[in-house]
C-alpha atoms as a PDB file:
ATOM      1  CA  MET A   1      -0.014  -0.152  -0.176  1.00  0.00           C
ATOM      2  CA  ALA A   2       1.326   3.386  -0.778  1.00  0.00           C
ATOM      3  CA  ILE A   3       1.794   6.219   1.574  1.00  0.00           C
ATOM      4  CA  ILE A   4      -0.007   9.402   0.644  1.00  0.00           C
ATOM      5  CA  THR A   5       1.361  12.742   1.962  1.00  0.00           C
ATOM      6  CA  ARG A   6      -0.869  15.787   1.979  1.00  0.00           C
ATOM      7  CA  ARG A   7       0.903  18.919   1.527  1.00  0.00           C
ATOM      8  CA  SER A   8      -0.436  22.499   1.561  1.00  0.00           C
ATOM      9  CA  GLY A   9       0.519  25.001  -0.943  1.00  0.00           C
ATOM     10  CA  TRP A  10       2.750  26.867   1.566  1.00  0.00           C
ATOM     11  CA  GLU A  11       5.027  24.047   2.345  1.00  0.00           C
ATOM     12  CA  SER A  12       7.689  25.177  -0.360  1.00  0.00           C
ATOM     13  CA  PHE A  13       8.143  28.474   1.615  1.00  0.00           C
ATOM     14  CA  GLY A  14       9.411  26.417   4.384  1.00  0.00           C
ATOM     15  CA  GLY A  15      12.229  25.346   2.460  1.00  0.00           C
ATOM     16  CA  LEU A  16      12.751  28.976   1.330  1.00  0.00           C
ATOM     17  CA  ASN A  17      12.822  30.211   4.870  1.00  0.00           C
ATOM     18  CA  ARG A  18      15.309  27.673   5.712  1.00  0.00           C
ATOM     19  CA  GLU A  19      17.851  28.893   2.710  1.00  0.00           C
ATOM     20  CA  LEU A  20      17.209  32.320   3.679  1.00  0.00           C
ATOM     21  CA  ASP A  21      18.291  31.744   7.281  1.00  0.00           C
ATOM     22  CA  ALA A  22      21.403  29.471   6.075  1.00  0.00           C
ATOM     23  CA  ALA A  23      22.150  32.510   3.796  1.00  0.00           C
ATOM     24  CA  PHE A  24      21.906  35.093   6.483  1.00  0.00           C
ATOM     25  CA  ASP A  25      24.174  32.893   8.845  1.00  0.00           C
ATOM     26  CA  THR A  26      26.723  32.712   6.252  1.00  0.00           C
ATOM     27  CA  LEU A  27      26.936  36.494   5.884  1.00  0.00           C
ATOM     28  CA  VAL A  28      26.871  37.047   9.555  1.00  0.00           C
ATOM     29  CA  GLY A  29      29.383  34.436  10.193  1.00  0.00           C
ATOM     30  CA  ARG A  30      31.778  36.122   7.540  1.00  0.00           C
ATOM     31  CA  ALA A  31      31.423  39.460   9.116  1.00  0.00           C
ATOM     32  CA  PHE A  32      31.075  38.565  12.995  1.00  0.00           C
ATOM     33  CA  GLY A  33      32.892  34.967  13.386  1.00  0.00           C
ATOM     34  CA  ALA A  34      31.249  31.697  12.754  1.00  0.00           C
ATOM     35  CA  ALA A  35      27.821  31.004  13.479  1.00  0.00           C
ATOM     36  CA  ALA A  36      26.854  27.920  15.757  1.00  0.00           C
ATOM     37  CA  PRO A  37      26.696  24.739  13.809  1.00  0.00           C
ATOM     38  CA  ARG A  38      23.085  23.638  12.372  1.00  0.00           C
ATOM     39  CA  ARG A  39      21.576  20.311  13.361  1.00  0.00           C
ATOM     40  CA  ALA A  40      19.303  18.698  10.729  1.00  0.00           C
ATOM     41  CA  VAL A  41      15.723  19.751  11.174  1.00  0.00           C
ATOM     42  CA  ASN A  42      12.912  17.553  10.129  1.00  0.00           C
ATOM     43  CA  PHE A  43      10.423  19.979  10.855  1.00  0.00           C
ATOM     44  CA  THR A  44       9.630  23.575  12.024  1.00  0.00           C
ATOM     45  CA  PRO A  45       7.008  23.856  14.799  1.00  0.00           C
ATOM     46  CA  ALA A  46       4.570  26.703  14.284  1.00  0.00           C
ATOM     47  CA  ALA A  47       5.165  29.650  16.681  1.00  0.00           C
ATOM     48  CA  ASP A  48       3.270  32.838  17.830  1.00  0.00           C
ATOM     49  CA  VAL A  49       5.131  35.670  19.464  1.00  0.00           C
ATOM     50  CA  SER A  50       3.360  38.339  21.383  1.00  0.00           C
ATOM     51  CA  ARG A  51       3.960  40.978  23.971  1.00  0.00           C
ATOM     52  CA  ASP A  52       2.335  40.967  27.339  1.00  0.00           C
ATOM     53  CA  GLY A  53       3.515  44.515  29.136  1.00  0.00           C
ATOM     54  CA  ASP A  54       7.201  44.432  29.104  1.00  0.00           C
ATOM     55  CA  ASP A  55       7.416  40.567  28.694  1.00  0.00           C
ATOM     56  CA  VAL A  56       7.638  38.953  25.404  1.00  0.00           C
ATOM     57  CA  LEU A  57       5.422  35.577  24.874  1.00  0.00           C
ATOM     58  CA  ILE A  58       6.435  32.878  22.510  1.00  0.00           C
ATOM     59  CA  THR A  59       4.221  30.069  22.108  1.00  0.00           C
ATOM     60  CA  LEU A  60       5.292  26.880  20.059  1.00  0.00           C
ATOM     61  CA  GLU A  61       2.680  24.154  18.908  1.00  0.00           C
ATOM     62  CA  LEU A  62       4.452  21.107  20.110  1.00  0.00           C
ATOM     63  CA  PRO A  63       1.963  18.069  20.482  1.00  0.00           C
ATOM     64  CA  GLY A  64       3.075  14.672  21.331  1.00  0.00           C
ATOM     65  CA  VAL A  65       6.463  15.546  22.683  1.00  0.00           C
ATOM     66  CA  ASP A  66       7.935  14.480  25.783  1.00  0.00           C
ATOM     67  CA  ILE A  67       8.664  17.825  27.462  1.00  0.00           C
ATOM     68  CA  ASP A  68      11.152  16.704  29.936  1.00  0.00           C
ATOM     69  CA  SER A  69      13.044  14.357  27.940  1.00  0.00           C
ATOM     70  CA  ASP A  70      12.873  15.408  24.216  1.00  0.00           C
ATOM     71  CA  VAL A  71      12.803  19.540  24.694  1.00  0.00           C
ATOM     72  CA  ALA A  72      15.383  21.974  25.491  1.00  0.00           C
ATOM     73  CA  VAL A  73      14.894  25.777  25.963  1.00  0.00           C
ATOM     74  CA  GLU A  74      18.447  27.697  25.946  1.00  0.00           C
ATOM     75  CA  VAL A  75      19.612  31.326  26.635  1.00  0.00           C
ATOM     76  CA  SER A  76      22.737  32.287  25.092  1.00  0.00           C
ATOM     77  CA  GLU A  77      24.364  35.517  23.430  1.00  0.00           C
ATOM     78  CA  GLY A  78      21.214  37.076  22.709  1.00  0.00           C
ATOM     79  CA  ARG A  79      19.553  33.964  21.329  1.00  0.00           C
ATOM     80  CA  LEU A  80      16.888  32.021  22.629  1.00  0.00           C
ATOM     81  CA  SER A  81      16.924  28.455  21.152  1.00  0.00           C
ATOM     82  CA  ILE A  82      13.950  25.858  21.538  1.00  0.00           C
ATOM     83  CA  SER A  83      15.161  22.549  20.137  1.00  0.00           C
ATOM     84  CA  GLY A  84      14.085  18.852  20.274  1.00  0.00           C
ATOM     85  CA  SER A  85      12.297  16.050  18.601  1.00  0.00           C
ATOM     86  CA  ARG A  86       9.116  14.643  18.275  1.00  0.00           C
ATOM     87  CA  ARG A  87       9.000  10.645  18.310  1.00  0.00           C
ATOM     88  CA  GLU A  88       6.356   8.471  16.512  1.00  0.00           C
ATOM     89  CA  ALA A  89       3.213   7.961  18.809  1.00  0.00           C
ATOM     90  CA  ARG A  90       3.432   4.379  18.111  1.00  0.00           C
ATOM     91  CA  GLU A  91       5.334   2.097  15.664  1.00  0.00           C
ATOM     92  CA  THR A  92       3.427   1.276  12.280  1.00  0.00           C
ATOM     93  CA  LYS A  93       4.531  -1.023   9.707  1.00  0.00           C
ATOM     94  CA  LYS A  94       5.119   1.138   6.467  1.00  0.00           C
ATOM     95  CA  ASP A  95       2.650  -1.074   4.915  1.00  0.00           C
ATOM     96  CA  ASP A  96      -0.058  -0.361   7.304  1.00  0.00           C
ATOM     97  CA  ARG A  97       0.033   3.348   6.913  1.00  0.00           C
ATOM     98  CA  ILE A  98      -2.383   5.084   4.885  1.00  0.00           C
ATOM     99  CA  ALA A  99      -1.318   8.689   5.145  1.00  0.00           C
ATOM    100  CA  LYS A 100       1.219  10.647   7.161  1.00  0.00           C
ATOM    101  CA  GLU A 101       0.953  14.092   8.054  1.00  0.00           C
ATOM    102  CA  ILE A 102       2.241  14.307  11.713  1.00  0.00           C
ATOM    103  CA  ARG A 103       5.510  15.377  11.223  1.00  0.00           C
ATOM    104  CA  THR A 104       8.376  13.817  13.307  1.00  0.00           C
ATOM    105  CA  GLY A 105      11.920  14.082  13.883  1.00  0.00           C
ATOM    106  CA  ALA A 106      14.074  16.947  15.107  1.00  0.00           C
ATOM    107  CA  PHE A 107      13.016  20.691  15.418  1.00  0.00           C
ATOM    108  CA  ARG A 108      14.985  23.913  16.319  1.00  0.00           C
ATOM    109  CA  ARG A 109      13.538  27.506  16.470  1.00  0.00           C
ATOM    110  CA  GLU A 110      15.746  30.381  17.201  1.00  0.00           C
ATOM    111  CA  PHE A 111      14.655  33.901  18.301  1.00  0.00           C
ATOM    112  CA  THR A 112      16.550  36.836  18.862  1.00  0.00           C
ATOM    113  CA  ILE A 113      16.575  38.692  22.297  1.00  0.00           C
ATOM    114  CA  PRO A 114      18.300  41.581  23.633  1.00  0.00           C
ATOM    115  CA  GLU A 115      21.695  40.843  25.164  1.00  0.00           C
ATOM    116  CA  HIS A 116      21.028  42.151  28.340  1.00  0.00           C
ATOM    117  CA  VAL A 117      18.382  39.359  28.951  1.00  0.00           C
ATOM    118  CA  THR A 118      19.615  36.576  31.412  1.00  0.00           C
ATOM    119  CA  PRO A 119      18.534  33.127  31.697  1.00  0.00           C
ATOM    120  CA  ASP A 120      16.988  34.163  34.967  1.00  0.00           C
ATOM    121  CA  GLN A 121      14.351  36.234  33.098  1.00  0.00           C
ATOM    122  CA  VAL A 122      13.160  33.189  30.911  1.00  0.00           C
ATOM    123  CA  GLU A 123      10.485  30.724  32.072  1.00  0.00           C
ATOM    124  CA  ALA A 124       8.994  27.964  30.195  1.00  0.00           C
ATOM    125  CA  SER A 125       5.666  26.159  30.638  1.00  0.00           C
ATOM    126  CA  TYR A 126       3.937  23.241  28.838  1.00  0.00           C
ATOM    127  CA  ASP A 127       0.242  22.494  28.614  1.00  0.00           C
ATOM    128  CA  ARG A 128      -2.030  20.775  26.315  1.00  0.00           C
ATOM    129  CA  GLY A 129       0.537  20.475  23.393  1.00  0.00           C
ATOM    130  CA  LEU A 130       1.647  24.199  23.689  1.00  0.00           C
ATOM    131  CA  LEU A 131       5.143  25.244  24.919  1.00  0.00           C
ATOM    132  CA  GLU A 132       4.953  28.811  26.283  1.00  0.00           C
ATOM    133  CA  VAL A 133       8.334  30.831  26.818  1.00  0.00           C
ATOM    134  CA  ARG A 134       7.874  34.014  28.824  1.00  0.00           C
ATOM    135  CA  VAL A 135      10.976  36.441  28.422  1.00  0.00           C
ATOM    136  CA  GLY A 136      10.568  38.641  31.134  1.00  0.00           C
ATOM    137  CA  ARG A 137      11.341  42.597  31.203  1.00  0.00           C
ATOM    138  CA  VAL A 138      12.204  42.835  27.538  1.00  0.00           C
ATOM    139  CA  VAL A 139      12.894  46.634  27.791  1.00  0.00           C
ATOM    140  CA  ARG A 140      15.802  48.491  26.563  1.00  0.00           C
ATOM    141  CA  PRO A 141      17.976  50.127  29.431  1.00  0.00           C
ATOM    142  CA  GLU A 142      17.757  53.856  29.202  1.00  0.00           C
ATOM    143  CA  PRO A 143      20.920  54.985  27.673  1.00  0.00           C
ATOM    144  CA  THR A 144      23.277  56.654  29.930  1.00  0.00           C
ATOM    145  CA  THR A 145      25.618  59.712  29.284  1.00  0.00           C
ATOM    146  CA  THR A 146      28.895  59.836  30.731  1.00  0.00           C
ATOM    147  CA  ARG A 147      30.726  63.271  30.643  1.00  0.00           C
ATOM    148  CA  VAL A 148      34.307  63.036  29.303  1.00  0.00           C
ATOM    149  CA  THR A 149      36.699  65.263  30.856  1.00  0.00           C
ATOM    150  CA  VAL A 150      38.697  67.499  28.503  1.00  0.00           C
ATOM    151  CA  ARG A 151      42.134  68.208  29.241  1.00  0.00           C
ATOM    152  CA  GLN A 152      43.853  71.657  28.227  1.00  0.00           C
ATOM    153  CA  GLY A 153      47.170  71.692  26.674  1.00  0.00           C
ATOM    154  CA  ALA A 154      47.966  68.068  26.845  1.00  0.00           C
ATOM    155  CA  PRO A 155      47.886  65.648  24.040  1.00  0.00           C
ATOM    156  CA  ALA A 156      45.267  62.727  24.489  1.00  0.00           C
ATOM    157  CA  PRO A 157      47.192  59.419  25.889  1.00  0.00           C
ATOM    158  CA  THR A 158      47.828  57.068  23.189  1.00  0.00           C
ATOM    159  CA  ALA A 159      47.814  54.092  25.631  1.00  0.00           C
ATOM    160  CA  VAL A 160      46.755  53.505  29.036  1.00  0.00           C
ATOM    161  CA  GLU A 161      49.242  54.585  31.519  1.00  0.00           C
ATOM    162  CA  GLN A 162      50.515  52.109  34.056  1.00  0.00           C
ATOM    163  CA  PRO A 163      51.895  53.447  37.210  1.00  0.00           C
ATOM    164  CA  ALA A 164      55.495  52.455  37.729  1.00  0.00           C
ATOM    165  CA  GLU A 165      56.528  49.970  40.140  1.00  0.00           C
ATOM    166  CA  GLN A 166      57.705  51.248  43.332  1.00  0.00           C
ATOM    167  CA  ASP A 167      61.188  50.143  44.549  1.00  0.00           C
ATOM    168  CA  GLY A 168      59.966  48.182  47.554  1.00  0.00           C
ATOM    169  CA  ALA A 169      58.009  46.139  45.468  1.00  0.00           C
ATOM    170  CA  ALA A 170      60.417  45.481  42.940  1.00  0.00           C
ATOM    171  CA  ALA A 171      62.869  44.607  45.739  1.00  0.00           C
ATOM    172  CA  GLU A 172      60.655  42.035  47.242  1.00  0.00           C
ATOM    173  CA  SER A 173      60.148  40.278  44.268  1.00  0.00           C
ATOM    174  CA  SER A 174      64.065  40.053  43.643  1.00  0.00           C
ATOM    175  CA  ASP A 175      64.378  38.480  47.117  1.00  0.00           C
ATOM    176  CA  ASP A 176      62.730  34.928  45.935  1.00  0.00           C
END
C-alpha cells in the first residue's frame, strides 16, 4: 500500500525560509565570526510571538513531545533556542500506514532577544501541546551619558598609562 502525503501549497516556503536563514547565517558568520553549527531539522513547529506588558511570550505548537526528555530551551548570546524531537506516537509498519501528516523528528527554532536578557528572566511551561516561553522585562535600558573630562594643553594619551613600580615592590620580588 502506498503512503499518501498531503501538503499545503505553503510547504515550499518553509524550504525558502531555511535557505534564507542559512544565507543570513553565512553572511553574518563572515562579518562577525562563525555561526553556531546547525543540526538537521525535520520540521519547524508553528510559533506565535506576542507582548504582555514588558514581557515577550513565545508559544510553540509541540503536541506529542515528551517535554522533560525531548525538548531543550536555552539562552545564549542574545538568542533563545528551542530544540528537540518528536517521536512516532506508535510504531506502524510501513505497509499499514495509509497517510502520514504528523511530522516527526528533530526541530529547532531560534529567536533574537536583547543581549541584556539573562536566563533568570526566561520561564517556560508546557500544557496541552503548547510550549509557552516568557521572556521577562524585555525593555531597552535607558541610555546613559557619561561626561568625559577634556584636558587643556596636553595631548590625548595614546595608551593606558600604568603606574611605575615602587622600589619596595621590585625589591621584594627579587628576594625570591
